[in-house]
N, C-alpha and C. Protein backbone atom coordinates (compact mmCIF):
# COMPACT_ATOMS: atom_id res chain seq x y z
N MET A 1 101.21 121.10 112.05
CA MET A 1 102.47 122.29 111.82
C MET A 1 103.62 121.37 112.33
N VAL A 2 104.39 121.86 111.46
CA VAL A 2 106.11 121.29 111.57
C VAL A 2 106.77 122.13 112.50
N THR A 3 107.60 120.95 113.34
CA THR A 3 108.25 121.63 114.28
C THR A 3 109.70 121.38 113.87
N GLU A 4 110.59 121.91 114.77
CA GLU A 4 111.92 121.83 114.99
C GLU A 4 112.35 120.66 114.53
N LYS A 5 111.96 119.47 115.14
CA LYS A 5 112.47 118.12 114.99
C LYS A 5 112.23 117.73 113.45
N ASN A 6 111.06 117.87 112.87
CA ASN A 6 110.91 117.83 111.57
C ASN A 6 111.90 118.70 110.56
N ARG A 7 111.97 119.91 110.93
CA ARG A 7 112.78 120.95 109.95
C ARG A 7 114.52 120.17 110.25
N ALA A 8 114.92 119.85 111.25
CA ALA A 8 116.20 119.37 111.43
C ALA A 8 116.31 118.00 110.53
N LEU A 9 115.64 117.26 110.59
CA LEU A 9 115.57 115.94 109.73
C LEU A 9 115.59 116.46 108.43
N TYR A 10 114.80 117.45 107.92
CA TYR A 10 114.68 117.72 106.70
C TYR A 10 116.10 118.62 106.07
N GLU A 11 116.79 119.18 107.14
CA GLU A 11 117.63 119.84 107.04
C GLU A 11 119.25 118.73 106.65
N GLU A 12 119.19 117.83 107.51
CA GLU A 12 119.90 116.69 107.38
C GLU A 12 119.83 115.88 106.06
N ALA A 13 118.41 115.52 105.56
CA ALA A 13 118.27 114.98 104.74
C ALA A 13 118.50 115.26 103.09
N LYS A 14 118.63 116.81 103.16
CA LYS A 14 119.08 117.52 102.19
C LYS A 14 120.50 117.02 101.61
N ARG A 15 121.32 116.63 102.87
CA ARG A 15 122.56 116.68 102.56
C ARG A 15 122.94 115.23 101.70
N TYR A 16 121.85 114.27 101.77
CA TYR A 16 122.13 112.98 101.08
C TYR A 16 121.17 112.81 99.64
N MET A 17 119.70 113.50 100.13
CA MET A 17 118.67 113.29 98.88
C MET A 17 118.45 114.61 98.33
N PRO A 18 118.11 114.64 97.07
CA PRO A 18 117.58 115.83 96.55
C PRO A 18 116.32 116.36 97.05
N GLY A 19 116.31 117.37 97.39
CA GLY A 19 114.86 117.97 98.07
C GLY A 19 114.33 117.15 99.56
N GLY A 20 115.58 116.59 100.03
CA GLY A 20 115.34 115.72 101.39
C GLY A 20 114.45 114.67 101.39
N ALA A 21 114.02 113.75 100.24
CA ALA A 21 113.16 112.93 100.13
C ALA A 21 113.58 111.90 99.14
N CYS A 22 113.39 110.80 99.05
CA CYS A 22 113.80 109.47 98.09
C CYS A 22 112.91 109.60 96.81
N ALA A 23 111.81 110.45 96.61
CA ALA A 23 110.80 110.93 95.67
C ALA A 23 110.35 112.13 95.49
N GLY A 24 110.05 112.79 94.69
CA GLY A 24 109.51 114.06 94.54
C GLY A 24 108.37 114.27 95.13
N GLY A 25 107.51 113.17 95.17
CA GLY A 25 106.02 113.26 95.62
C GLY A 25 106.12 113.18 96.82
N ARG A 26 107.22 112.91 97.75
CA ARG A 26 107.27 112.78 99.19
C ARG A 26 107.26 114.40 99.67
N SER A 27 107.60 115.26 99.00
CA SER A 27 107.27 116.65 99.77
C SER A 27 106.07 117.19 99.79
N ASN A 28 105.97 117.86 101.04
CA ASN A 28 104.38 118.38 101.17
C ASN A 28 104.42 119.96 100.86
N ARG A 29 103.49 120.17 100.10
CA ARG A 29 103.43 121.45 99.32
C ARG A 29 103.03 122.37 100.54
N ILE A 30 102.25 121.83 101.19
CA ILE A 30 101.67 122.75 102.37
C ILE A 30 102.85 123.38 103.52
N PHE A 31 103.61 122.20 103.82
CA PHE A 31 104.58 122.62 104.52
C PHE A 31 105.96 123.03 104.21
N GLY A 32 106.17 122.82 103.04
CA GLY A 32 107.30 123.16 102.26
C GLY A 32 108.61 122.13 102.08
N MET A 33 107.89 121.02 102.72
CA MET A 33 109.35 120.15 103.22
C MET A 33 108.75 118.84 103.03
N PRO A 34 109.11 117.54 103.12
CA PRO A 34 108.90 116.22 103.27
C PRO A 34 108.35 116.14 104.77
N LEU A 35 107.33 115.62 104.94
CA LEU A 35 106.81 114.96 106.43
C LEU A 35 107.21 113.72 106.82
N TYR A 36 108.20 114.03 107.72
CA TYR A 36 109.08 112.46 108.42
C TYR A 36 107.90 111.79 109.20
N LEU A 37 107.63 110.68 109.29
CA LEU A 37 106.77 109.92 109.74
C LEU A 37 107.64 109.06 110.69
N ASP A 38 106.97 108.92 112.04
CA ASP A 38 107.88 107.79 113.09
C ASP A 38 107.02 106.46 112.94
N HIS A 39 105.59 106.32 112.57
CA HIS A 39 104.91 105.03 112.28
C HIS A 39 103.41 105.29 111.87
N ALA A 40 103.12 104.17 111.71
CA ALA A 40 101.59 104.13 111.25
C ALA A 40 100.76 102.84 111.99
N SER A 41 99.67 103.05 111.79
CA SER A 41 99.03 102.18 112.44
C SER A 41 97.41 102.31 111.95
N GLY A 42 96.61 101.31 111.33
CA GLY A 42 95.46 101.34 110.60
C GLY A 42 95.39 101.87 109.32
N SER A 43 94.69 103.07 109.59
CA SER A 43 94.43 104.33 108.74
C SER A 43 95.32 105.46 108.91
N LYS A 44 96.26 105.54 109.89
CA LYS A 44 96.89 106.64 110.43
C LYS A 44 98.34 106.73 110.25
N LEU A 45 98.77 107.84 110.18
CA LEU A 45 100.16 107.89 109.68
C LEU A 45 100.59 108.86 111.04
N TYR A 46 101.75 108.81 111.56
CA TYR A 46 102.17 109.70 112.68
C TYR A 46 103.41 110.21 112.58
N SER A 47 103.46 111.37 112.49
CA SER A 47 104.71 112.27 112.50
C SER A 47 105.82 112.06 113.55
N VAL A 48 106.86 112.44 113.22
CA VAL A 48 107.94 112.62 114.08
C VAL A 48 107.81 113.68 115.17
N ASP A 49 106.79 114.47 115.14
CA ASP A 49 106.16 115.68 115.62
C ASP A 49 105.05 115.36 116.97
N GLY A 50 104.62 114.10 116.57
CA GLY A 50 103.30 113.46 117.35
C GLY A 50 102.11 113.64 116.82
N ASN A 51 102.16 114.27 115.65
CA ASN A 51 100.85 114.62 114.83
C ASN A 51 100.35 113.52 114.23
N ALA A 52 99.01 113.07 114.39
CA ALA A 52 98.57 111.70 113.62
C ALA A 52 97.86 112.55 112.42
N TYR A 53 97.77 111.99 110.97
CA TYR A 53 97.23 111.99 109.86
C TYR A 53 96.54 110.89 109.04
N ILE A 54 95.61 110.78 108.50
CA ILE A 54 94.79 110.10 107.97
C ILE A 54 95.65 109.64 106.68
N ASP A 55 95.88 108.46 106.45
CA ASP A 55 96.82 108.08 105.34
C ASP A 55 96.02 107.90 104.02
N TYR A 56 95.68 108.90 103.17
CA TYR A 56 94.61 108.85 102.10
C TYR A 56 95.31 108.44 100.82
N HIS A 57 96.94 108.18 101.12
CA HIS A 57 97.40 107.81 99.89
C HIS A 57 97.77 106.12 99.74
N CYS A 58 97.71 105.52 101.07
CA CYS A 58 97.32 104.00 101.27
C CYS A 58 98.51 103.25 100.21
N GLY A 59 99.71 103.70 100.30
CA GLY A 59 100.68 103.04 99.62
C GLY A 59 101.10 101.60 100.33
N ALA A 60 101.77 100.64 99.52
CA ALA A 60 102.15 99.37 99.96
C ALA A 60 101.56 98.51 100.42
N GLY A 61 100.27 98.48 100.02
CA GLY A 61 98.95 97.61 100.44
C GLY A 61 98.46 97.79 101.62
N ALA A 62 98.72 99.10 102.29
CA ALA A 62 97.79 99.74 103.34
C ALA A 62 96.38 99.81 103.18
N ALA A 63 96.24 100.02 101.82
CA ALA A 63 94.77 100.29 101.36
C ALA A 63 93.91 98.95 101.51
N LEU A 64 94.37 98.03 101.34
CA LEU A 64 93.54 96.74 101.75
C LEU A 64 93.38 96.55 103.34
N TYR A 65 94.46 96.46 104.01
CA TYR A 65 94.53 96.05 105.48
C TYR A 65 94.82 97.18 106.41
N GLY A 66 95.48 98.19 105.85
CA GLY A 66 95.77 99.14 107.08
C GLY A 66 97.08 99.21 107.22
N HIS A 67 97.76 99.95 108.03
CA HIS A 67 99.01 99.94 108.38
C HIS A 67 99.04 98.84 109.58
N GLY A 68 99.93 97.88 109.68
CA GLY A 68 100.21 97.06 110.72
C GLY A 68 99.16 96.02 111.17
N HIS A 69 98.49 95.62 110.20
CA HIS A 69 97.34 94.51 110.58
C HIS A 69 98.09 93.58 111.30
N PRO A 70 97.49 92.96 112.36
CA PRO A 70 98.25 92.00 113.29
C PRO A 70 98.15 90.49 112.62
N ARG A 71 97.36 90.20 111.48
CA ARG A 71 97.46 88.78 110.86
C ARG A 71 98.74 88.99 110.04
N LEU A 72 98.80 90.17 109.33
CA LEU A 72 100.03 90.20 108.25
C LEU A 72 101.53 90.14 108.94
N LYS A 73 101.35 91.15 110.19
CA LYS A 73 102.48 91.38 110.95
C LYS A 73 102.99 89.69 111.60
N ALA A 74 102.11 88.88 112.21
CA ALA A 74 102.41 87.49 112.62
C ALA A 74 103.06 86.77 111.30
N ALA A 75 102.31 86.80 110.30
CA ALA A 75 102.87 86.11 109.33
C ALA A 75 104.31 86.67 108.81
N LEU A 76 104.51 87.71 108.72
CA LEU A 76 105.92 88.34 108.49
C LEU A 76 106.96 87.85 109.70
N GLU A 77 106.47 88.30 110.85
CA GLU A 77 107.26 87.76 111.95
C GLU A 77 107.80 86.19 111.89
N ASP A 78 106.93 85.38 111.66
CA ASP A 78 107.03 84.12 111.20
C ASP A 78 108.17 83.64 110.31
N VAL A 79 107.99 84.24 109.21
CA VAL A 79 109.02 84.25 108.03
C VAL A 79 110.32 84.63 108.42
N ILE A 80 110.41 85.81 108.85
CA ILE A 80 111.55 86.21 109.28
C ILE A 80 112.26 85.37 110.35
N SER A 81 111.69 85.07 111.38
CA SER A 81 112.10 83.99 112.34
C SER A 81 112.80 82.80 111.56
N LYS A 82 112.50 82.15 110.50
CA LYS A 82 113.34 81.29 109.83
C LYS A 82 114.30 81.57 109.35
N GLY A 83 114.64 82.97 109.17
CA GLY A 83 115.88 83.41 108.35
C GLY A 83 115.69 83.45 106.92
N PHE A 84 116.84 84.03 106.57
CA PHE A 84 116.79 84.23 105.07
C PHE A 84 117.84 83.75 104.39
N TYR A 85 117.45 82.76 103.08
CA TYR A 85 118.41 81.94 102.33
C TYR A 85 118.29 82.20 100.62
């Protein structure tokens, strides 16, 4: 169920992006608007409304390791701590 928090984010996002999302596929047909996420962990996505969803899309490598895998997170933190050049 979409709450006012998600709806408010949608209204604001529509001011900057067509359809309130950066890609057409991000719009959720059931809700009639994009689902705005707060965080992800393992196989789950968590909405700004506090609802948990199973990530069946598995984009950006989550299909292999899940979201926030500890070894990948540690490797990224190590690289970031060295700075960008």
